[in-house]
PDB file of N, CA and C in Angstrom:
ATOM      1  N   MET A   1     102.785 122.603  38.045  1.00  0.00           N
ATOM      2  CA  MET A   1     102.681 123.828  38.803  1.00  0.00           C
ATOM      3  C   MET A   1     103.216 124.983  37.964  1.00  0.00           C
ATOM      4  N   ALA A   2     104.238 124.720  37.184  1.00  0.00           N
ATOM      5  CA  ALA A   2     104.819 125.780  36.368  1.00  0.00           C
ATOM      6  C   ALA A   2     103.830 126.267  35.304  1.00  0.00           C
ATOM      7  N   GLU A   3     102.958 125.382  34.843  1.00  0.00           N
ATOM      8  CA  GLU A   3     101.953 125.788  33.866  1.00  0.00           C
ATOM      9  C   GLU A   3     100.832 126.578  34.525  1.00  0.00           C
ATOM     10  N   ALA A   4     100.485 126.225  35.752  1.00  0.00           N
ATOM     11  CA  ALA A   4      99.399 126.923  36.454  1.00  0.00           C
ATOM     12  C   ALA A   4      99.821 128.318  36.900  1.00  0.00           C
ATOM     13  N   MET A   5     101.081 128.473  37.276  1.00  0.00           N
ATOM     14  CA  MET A   5     101.595 129.765  37.750  1.00  0.00           C
ATOM     15  C   MET A   5     102.910 130.074  37.027  1.00  0.00           C
ATOM     16  N   PRO A   6     102.864 130.387  35.743  1.00  0.00           N
ATOM     17  CA  PRO A   6     104.110 130.563  34.990  1.00  0.00           C
ATOM     18  C   PRO A   6     104.965 131.740  35.455  1.00  0.00           C
ATOM     19  N   ASP A   7     104.344 132.770  36.015  1.00  0.00           N
ATOM     20  CA  ASP A   7     105.111 133.943  36.436  1.00  0.00           C
ATOM     21  C   ASP A   7     105.720 133.780  37.821  1.00  0.00           C
ATOM     22  N   ASP A   8     105.218 132.832  38.589  1.00  0.00           N
ATOM     23  CA  ASP A   8     105.685 132.676  39.958  1.00  0.00           C
ATOM     24  C   ASP A   8     105.713 131.198  40.335  1.00  0.00           C
ATOM     25  N   ALA A   9     106.470 130.403  39.604  1.00  0.00           N
ATOM     26  CA  ALA A   9     106.520 128.963  39.820  1.00  0.00           C
ATOM     27  C   ALA A   9     107.102 128.606  41.181  1.00  0.00           C
ATOM     28  N   GLU A  10     108.048 129.386  41.679  1.00  0.00           N
ATOM     29  CA  GLU A  10     108.652 129.079  42.981  1.00  0.00           C
ATOM     30  C   GLU A  10     107.623 129.191  44.096  1.00  0.00           C
ATOM     31  N   ALA A  11     106.786 130.202  44.048  1.00  0.00           N
ATOM     32  CA  ALA A  11     105.737 130.361  45.062  1.00  0.00           C
ATOM     33  C   ALA A  11     104.734 129.222  44.972  1.00  0.00           C
ATOM     34  N   GLY A  12     104.409 128.807  43.769  1.00  0.00           N
ATOM     35  CA  GLY A  12     103.495 127.673  43.597  1.00  0.00           C
ATOM     36  C   GLY A  12     104.075 126.396  44.149  1.00  0.00           C
ATOM     37  N   GLY A  13     105.359 126.172  43.915  1.00  0.00           N
ATOM     38  CA  GLY A  13     106.025 124.990  44.463  1.00  0.00           C
ATOM     39  C   GLY A  13     106.065 125.028  45.980  1.00  0.00           C
ATOM     40  N   GLY A  14     106.321 126.196  46.537  1.00  0.00           N
ATOM     41  CA  GLY A  14     106.317 126.345  47.991  1.00  0.00           C
ATOM     42  C   GLY A  14     104.947 126.075  48.581  1.00  0.00           C
ATOM     43  N   LEU A  15     103.906 126.543  47.904  1.00  0.00           N
ATOM     44  CA  LEU A  15     102.542 126.295  48.360  1.00  0.00           C
ATOM     45  C   LEU A  15     102.222 124.809  48.323  1.00  0.00           C
ATOM     46  N   MET A  16     102.659 124.139  47.274  1.00  0.00           N
ATOM     47  CA  MET A  16     102.425 122.704  47.158  1.00  0.00           C
ATOM     48  C   MET A  16     103.115 121.949  48.293  1.00  0.00           C
ATOM     49  N   VAL A  17     104.349 122.306  48.618  1.00  0.00           N
ATOM     50  CA  VAL A  17     105.073 121.665  49.716  1.00  0.00           C
ATOM     51  C   VAL A  17     104.364 121.923  51.041  1.00  0.00           C
ATOM     52  N   ALA A  18     103.887 123.136  51.250  1.00  0.00           N
ATOM     53  CA  ALA A  18     103.184 123.465  52.490  1.00  0.00           C
ATOM     54  C   ALA A  18     101.906 122.650  52.634  1.00  0.00           C
ATOM     55  N   VAL A  19     101.179 122.465  51.556  1.00  0.00           N
ATOM     56  CA  VAL A  19      99.949 121.681  51.602  1.00  0.00           C
ATOM     57  C   VAL A  19     100.261 120.219  51.911  1.00  0.00           C
ATOM     58  N   VAL A  20     101.295 119.670  51.297  1.00  0.00           N
ATOM     59  CA  VAL A  20     101.677 118.279  51.563  1.00  0.00           C
ATOM     60  C   VAL A  20     102.088 118.102  53.017  1.00  0.00           C
ATOM     61  N   GLN A  21     102.889 119.005  53.546  1.00  0.00           N
ATOM     62  CA  GLN A  21     103.332 118.905  54.937  1.00  0.00           C
ATOM     63  C   GLN A  21     102.164 119.044  55.910  1.00  0.00           C
ATOM     64  N   THR A  22     101.238 119.945  55.612  1.00  0.00           N
ATOM     65  CA  THR A  22     100.051 120.092  56.458  1.00  0.00           C
ATOM     66  C   THR A  22      99.195 118.834  56.423  1.00  0.00           C
ATOM     67  N   SER A  23      99.067 118.242  55.255  1.00  0.00           N
ATOM     68  CA  SER A  23      98.299 117.001  55.126  1.00  0.00           C
ATOM     69  C   SER A  23      98.921 115.879  55.942  1.00  0.00           C
ATOM     70  N   ILE A  24     100.236 115.783  55.928  1.00  0.00           N
ATOM     71  CA  ILE A  24     100.925 114.765  56.719  1.00  0.00           C
ATOM     72  C   ILE A  24     100.657 114.987  58.201  1.00  0.00           C
ATOM     73  N   ALA A  25     100.748 116.214  58.650  1.00  0.00           N
ATOM     74  CA  ALA A  25     100.534 116.521  60.072  1.00  0.00           C
ATOM     75  C   ALA A  25      99.095 116.223  60.496  1.00  0.00           C
ATOM     76  N   VAL A  26      98.126 116.654  59.701  1.00  0.00           N
ATOM     77  CA  VAL A  26      96.719 116.437  60.046  1.00  0.00           C
ATOM     78  C   VAL A  26      96.373 114.956  59.963  1.00  0.00           C
ATOM     79  N   GLY A  27      96.850 114.283  58.930  1.00  0.00           N
ATOM     80  CA  GLY A  27      96.558 112.859  58.761  1.00  0.00           C
ATOM     81  C   GLY A  27      97.121 112.007  59.879  1.00  0.00           C
ATOM     82  N   SER A  28      98.338 112.283  60.287  1.00  0.00           N
ATOM     83  CA  SER A  28      98.919 111.486  61.368  1.00  0.00           C
ATOM     84  C   SER A  28      98.226 111.758  62.698  1.00  0.00           C
ATOM     85  N   THR A  29      97.822 112.989  62.918  1.00  0.00           N
ATOM     86  CA  THR A  29      97.099 113.314  64.146  1.00  0.00           C
ATOM     87  C   THR A  29      95.739 112.621  64.185  1.00  0.00           C
ATOM     88  N   LEU A  30      94.984 112.741  63.110  1.00  0.00           N
ATOM     89  CA  LEU A  30      93.670 112.090  63.063  1.00  0.00           C
ATOM     90  C   LEU A  30      93.800 110.570  63.100  1.00  0.00           C
ATOM     91  N   GLY A  31      94.812 110.037  62.445  1.00  0.00           N
ATOM     92  CA  GLY A  31      95.042 108.599  62.477  1.00  0.00           C
ATOM     93  C   GLY A  31      95.363 108.106  63.879  1.00  0.00           C
ATOM     94  N   GLY A  32      96.152 108.858  64.611  1.00  0.00           N
ATOM     95  CA  GLY A  32      96.472 108.494  65.984  1.00  0.00           C
ATOM     96  C   GLY A  32      95.257 108.531  66.890  1.00  0.00           C
ATOM     97  N   VAL A  33      94.439 109.561  66.735  1.00  0.00           N
ATOM     98  CA  VAL A  33      93.212 109.667  67.532  1.00  0.00           C
ATOM     99  C   VAL A  33      92.271 108.507  67.193  1.00  0.00           C
ATOM    100  N   LEU A  34      92.144 108.208  65.913  1.00  0.00           N
ATOM    101  CA  LEU A  34      91.287 107.101  65.481  1.00  0.00           C
ATOM    102  C   LEU A  34      91.803 105.774  66.028  1.00  0.00           C
ATOM    103  N   PHE A  35      93.104 105.559  65.964  1.00  0.00           N
ATOM    104  CA  PHE A  35      93.684 104.320  66.475  1.00  0.00           C
ATOM    105  C   PHE A  35      93.455 104.197  67.977  1.00  0.00           C
ATOM    106  N   ASP A  36      93.618 105.285  68.706  1.00  0.00           N
ATOM    107  CA  ASP A  36      93.410 105.257  70.156  1.00  0.00           C
ATOM    108  C   ASP A  36      91.950 105.009  70.520  1.00  0.00           C
ATOM    109  N   SER A  37      91.029 105.519  69.712  1.00  0.00           N
ATOM    110  CA  SER A  37      89.609 105.379  70.055  1.00  0.00           C
ATOM    111  C   SER A  37      88.981 104.110  69.486  1.00  0.00           C
ATOM    112  N   ALA A  38      89.381 103.683  68.298  1.00  0.00           N
ATOM    113  CA  ALA A  38      88.713 102.543  67.646  1.00  0.00           C
ATOM    114  C   ALA A  38      89.628 101.352  67.428  1.00  0.00           C
ATOM    115  N   GLY A  39      90.905 101.468  67.739  1.00  0.00           N
ATOM    116  CA  GLY A  39      91.825 100.355  67.547  1.00  0.00           C
ATOM    117  C   GLY A  39      92.273 100.225  66.104  1.00  0.00           C
ATOM    118  N   TYR A  40      93.061  99.188  65.866  1.00  0.00           N
ATOM    119  CA  TYR A  40      93.628  99.044  64.518  1.00  0.00           C
ATOM    120  C   TYR A  40      92.575  98.677  63.485  1.00  0.00           C
ATOM    121  N   ARG A  41      91.542  97.946  63.892  1.00  0.00           N
ATOM    122  CA  ARG A  41      90.495  97.580  62.928  1.00  0.00           C
ATOM    123  C   ARG A  41      89.739  98.814  62.441  1.00  0.00           C
ATOM    124  N   GLY A  42      89.436  99.709  63.352  1.00  0.00           N
ATOM    125  CA  GLY A  42      88.753 100.942  62.962  1.00  0.00           C
ATOM    126  C   GLY A  42      89.602 101.781  62.028  1.00  0.00           C
ATOM    127  N   ALA A  43      90.906 101.851  62.325  1.00  0.00           N
ATOM    128  CA  ALA A  43      91.805 102.623  61.462  1.00  0.00           C
ATOM    129  C   ALA A  43      91.874 102.023  60.064  1.00  0.00           C
ATOM    130  N   PHE A  44      91.930 100.691  59.976  1.00  0.00           N
ATOM    131  CA  PHE A  44      91.969 100.047  58.661  1.00  0.00           C
ATOM    132  C   PHE A  44      90.654 100.226  57.913  1.00  0.00           C
ATOM    133  N   LEU A  45      89.530 100.165  58.620  1.00  0.00           N
ATOM    134  CA  LEU A  45      88.238 100.364  57.953  1.00  0.00           C
ATOM    135  C   LEU A  45      88.105 101.777  57.402  1.00  0.00           C
ATOM    136  N   VAL A  46      88.525 102.758  58.164  1.00  0.00           N
ATOM    137  CA  VAL A  46      88.472 104.143  57.684  1.00  0.00           C
ATOM    138  C   VAL A  46      89.430 104.325  56.508  1.00  0.00           C
ATOM    139  N   ALA A  47      90.619 103.733  56.598  1.00  0.00           N
ATOM    140  CA  ALA A  47      91.572 103.829  55.486  1.00  0.00           C
ATOM    141  C   ALA A  47      91.005 103.178  54.226  1.00  0.00           C
ATOM    142  N   ALA A  48      90.321 102.040  54.387  1.00  0.00           N
ATOM    143  CA  ALA A  48      89.708 101.372  53.231  1.00  0.00           C
ATOM    144  C   ALA A  48      88.605 102.239  52.626  1.00  0.00           C
ATOM    145  N   ALA A  49      87.821 102.897  53.465  1.00  0.00           N
ATOM    146  CA  ALA A  49      86.762 103.772  52.964  1.00  0.00           C
ATOM    147  C   ALA A  49      87.344 104.969  52.217  1.00  0.00           C
ATOM    148  N   VAL A  50      88.391 105.567  52.770  1.00  0.00           N
ATOM    149  CA  VAL A  50      89.045 106.704  52.102  1.00  0.00           C
ATOM    150  C   VAL A  50      89.636 106.257  50.767  1.00  0.00           C
ATOM    151  N   LEU A  51      90.245 105.079  50.742  1.00  0.00           N
ATOM    152  CA  LEU A  51      90.811 104.556  49.496  1.00  0.00           C
ATOM    153  C   LEU A  51      89.720 104.318  48.459  1.00  0.00           C
ATOM    154  N   ALA A  52      88.578 103.778  48.878  1.00  0.00           N
ATOM    155  CA  ALA A  52      87.478 103.532  47.946  1.00  0.00           C
ATOM    156  C   ALA A  52      86.949 104.841  47.355  1.00  0.00           C
ATOM    157  N   VAL A  53      86.775 105.847  48.202  1.00  0.00           N
ATOM    158  CA  VAL A  53      86.288 107.142  47.716  1.00  0.00           C
ATOM    159  C   VAL A  53      87.305 107.786  46.774  1.00  0.00           C
ATOM    160  N   ALA A  54      88.587 107.733  47.141  1.00  0.00           N
ATOM    161  CA  ALA A  54      89.628 108.312  46.284  1.00  0.00           C
ATOM    162  C   ALA A  54      89.703 107.591  44.946  1.00  0.00           C
ATOM    163  N   SER A  55      89.557 106.272  44.962  1.00  0.00           N
ATOM    164  CA  SER A  55      89.578 105.501  43.709  1.00  0.00           C
ATOM    165  C   SER A  55      88.398 105.869  42.820  1.00  0.00           C
ATOM    166  N   ALA A  56      87.222 106.004  43.422  1.00  0.00           N
ATOM    167  CA  ALA A  56      86.040 106.383  42.641  1.00  0.00           C
ATOM    168  C   ALA A  56      86.202 107.776  42.046  1.00  0.00           C
ATOM    169  N   LEU A  57      86.715 108.711  42.835  1.00  0.00           N
ATOM    170  CA  LEU A  57      86.938 110.068  42.313  1.00  0.00           C
ATOM    171  C   LEU A  57      87.971 110.076  41.188  1.00  0.00           C
ATOM    172  N   ALA A  58      89.031 109.295  41.341  1.00  0.00           N
ATOM    173  CA  ALA A  58      90.053 109.223  40.285  1.00  0.00           C
ATOM    174  C   ALA A  58      89.463 108.632  39.013  1.00  0.00           C
ATOM    175  N   PHE A  59      88.635 107.605  39.154  1.00  0.00           N
ATOM    176  CA  PHE A  59      88.009 106.985  37.992  1.00  0.00           C
ATOM    177  C   PHE A  59      87.081 107.959  37.282  1.00  0.00           C
ATOM    178  N   VAL A  60      86.219 108.632  38.040  1.00  0.00           N
ATOM    179  CA  VAL A  60      85.281 109.588  37.444  1.00  0.00           C
ATOM    180  C   VAL A  60      86.037 110.744  36.795  1.00  0.00           C
ATOM    181  N   THR A  61      87.055 111.243  37.470  1.00  0.00           N
ATOM    182  CA  THR A  61      87.830 112.354  36.927  1.00  0.00           C
ATOM    183  C   THR A  61      88.557 111.950  35.653  1.00  0.00           C
ATOM    184  N   SER A  62      89.103 110.754  35.629  1.00  0.00           N
ATOM    185  CA  SER A  62      89.824 110.322  34.428  1.00  0.00           C
ATOM    186  C   SER A  62      88.871 110.149  33.264  1.00  0.00           C
ATOM    187  N   ARG A  63      87.660 109.690  33.521  1.00  0.00           N
ATOM    188  CA  ARG A  63      86.697 109.538  32.436  1.00  0.00           C
ATOM    189  C   ARG A  63      86.263 110.900  31.900  1.00  0.00           C
ATOM    190  N   VAL A  64      86.075 111.864  32.771  1.00  0.00           N
ATOM    191  CA  VAL A  64      85.696 113.214  32.337  1.00  0.00           C
ATOM    192  C   VAL A  64      86.836 113.835  31.547  1.00  0.00           C
ATOM    193  N   THR A  65      88.074 113.675  32.048  1.00  0.00           N
ATOM    194  CA  THR A  65      89.235 114.229  31.356  1.00  0.00           C
ATOM    195  C   THR A  65      89.419 113.579  29.990  1.00  0.00           C
ATOM    196  N   ASN A  66      89.286 112.260  29.920  1.00  0.00           N
ATOM    197  CA  ASN A  66      89.446 111.562  28.640  1.00  0.00           C
ATOM    198  C   ASN A  66      88.330 111.936  27.663  1.00  0.00           C
ATOM    199  N   ALA A  67      87.110 112.104  28.155  1.00  0.00           N
ATOM    200  CA  ALA A  67      86.007 112.503  27.280  1.00  0.00           C
ATOM    201  C   ALA A  67      86.237 113.902  26.728  1.00  0.00           C
ATOM    202  N   GLY A  68      86.746 114.798  27.557  1.00  0.00           N
ATOM    203  CA  GLY A  68      87.052 116.155  27.100  1.00  0.00           C
ATOM    204  C   GLY A  68      88.172 116.175  26.088  1.00  0.00           C
ATOM    205  N   THR A  69      89.138 115.287  26.262  1.00  0.00           N
ATOM    206  CA  THR A  69      90.266 115.210  25.322  1.00  0.00           C
ATOM    207  C   THR A  69      89.789 114.682  23.974  1.00  0.00           C
ATOM    208  N   ARG A  70      88.906 113.686  23.991  1.00  0.00           N
ATOM    209  CA  ARG A  70      88.404 113.126  22.741  1.00  0.00           C
ATOM    210  C   ARG A  70      87.566 114.133  21.972  1.00  0.00           C
ATOM    211  N   GLN A  71      86.773 114.936  22.685  1.00  0.00           N
ATOM    212  CA  GLN A  71      85.917 115.913  22.012  1.00  0.00           C
ATOM    213  C   GLN A  71      86.723 117.058  21.443  1.00  0.00           C
ATOM    214  N   ALA A  72      87.815 117.420  22.108  1.00  0.00           N
ATOM    215  CA  ALA A  72      88.625 118.547  21.654  1.00  0.00           C
ATOM    216  C   ALA A  72      89.432 118.203  20.413  1.00  0.00           C
ATOM    217  N   SER A  73      89.713 116.930  20.210  1.00  0.00           N
ATOM    218  CA  SER A  73      90.557 116.511  19.078  1.00  0.00           C
ATOM    219  C   SER A  73      89.837 116.591  17.772  1.00  0.00           C
TER     220      SER A  73
END
């Protein structure tokens, strides 16, 4: 964060904390609604799908980042 906002690192850190806290609030609310409507199996299936998508995005992003690093060297 300090590299992205070198002149105002404290504000960047505060923004990051706010985003994390908002994510926790939204995630727990949606998770509770999902659990109430679809039960624990539905919640686990949605969590597995989110994990699969996040893993695929991390893999693709890491390959793009590594390819860019190799070309720049």
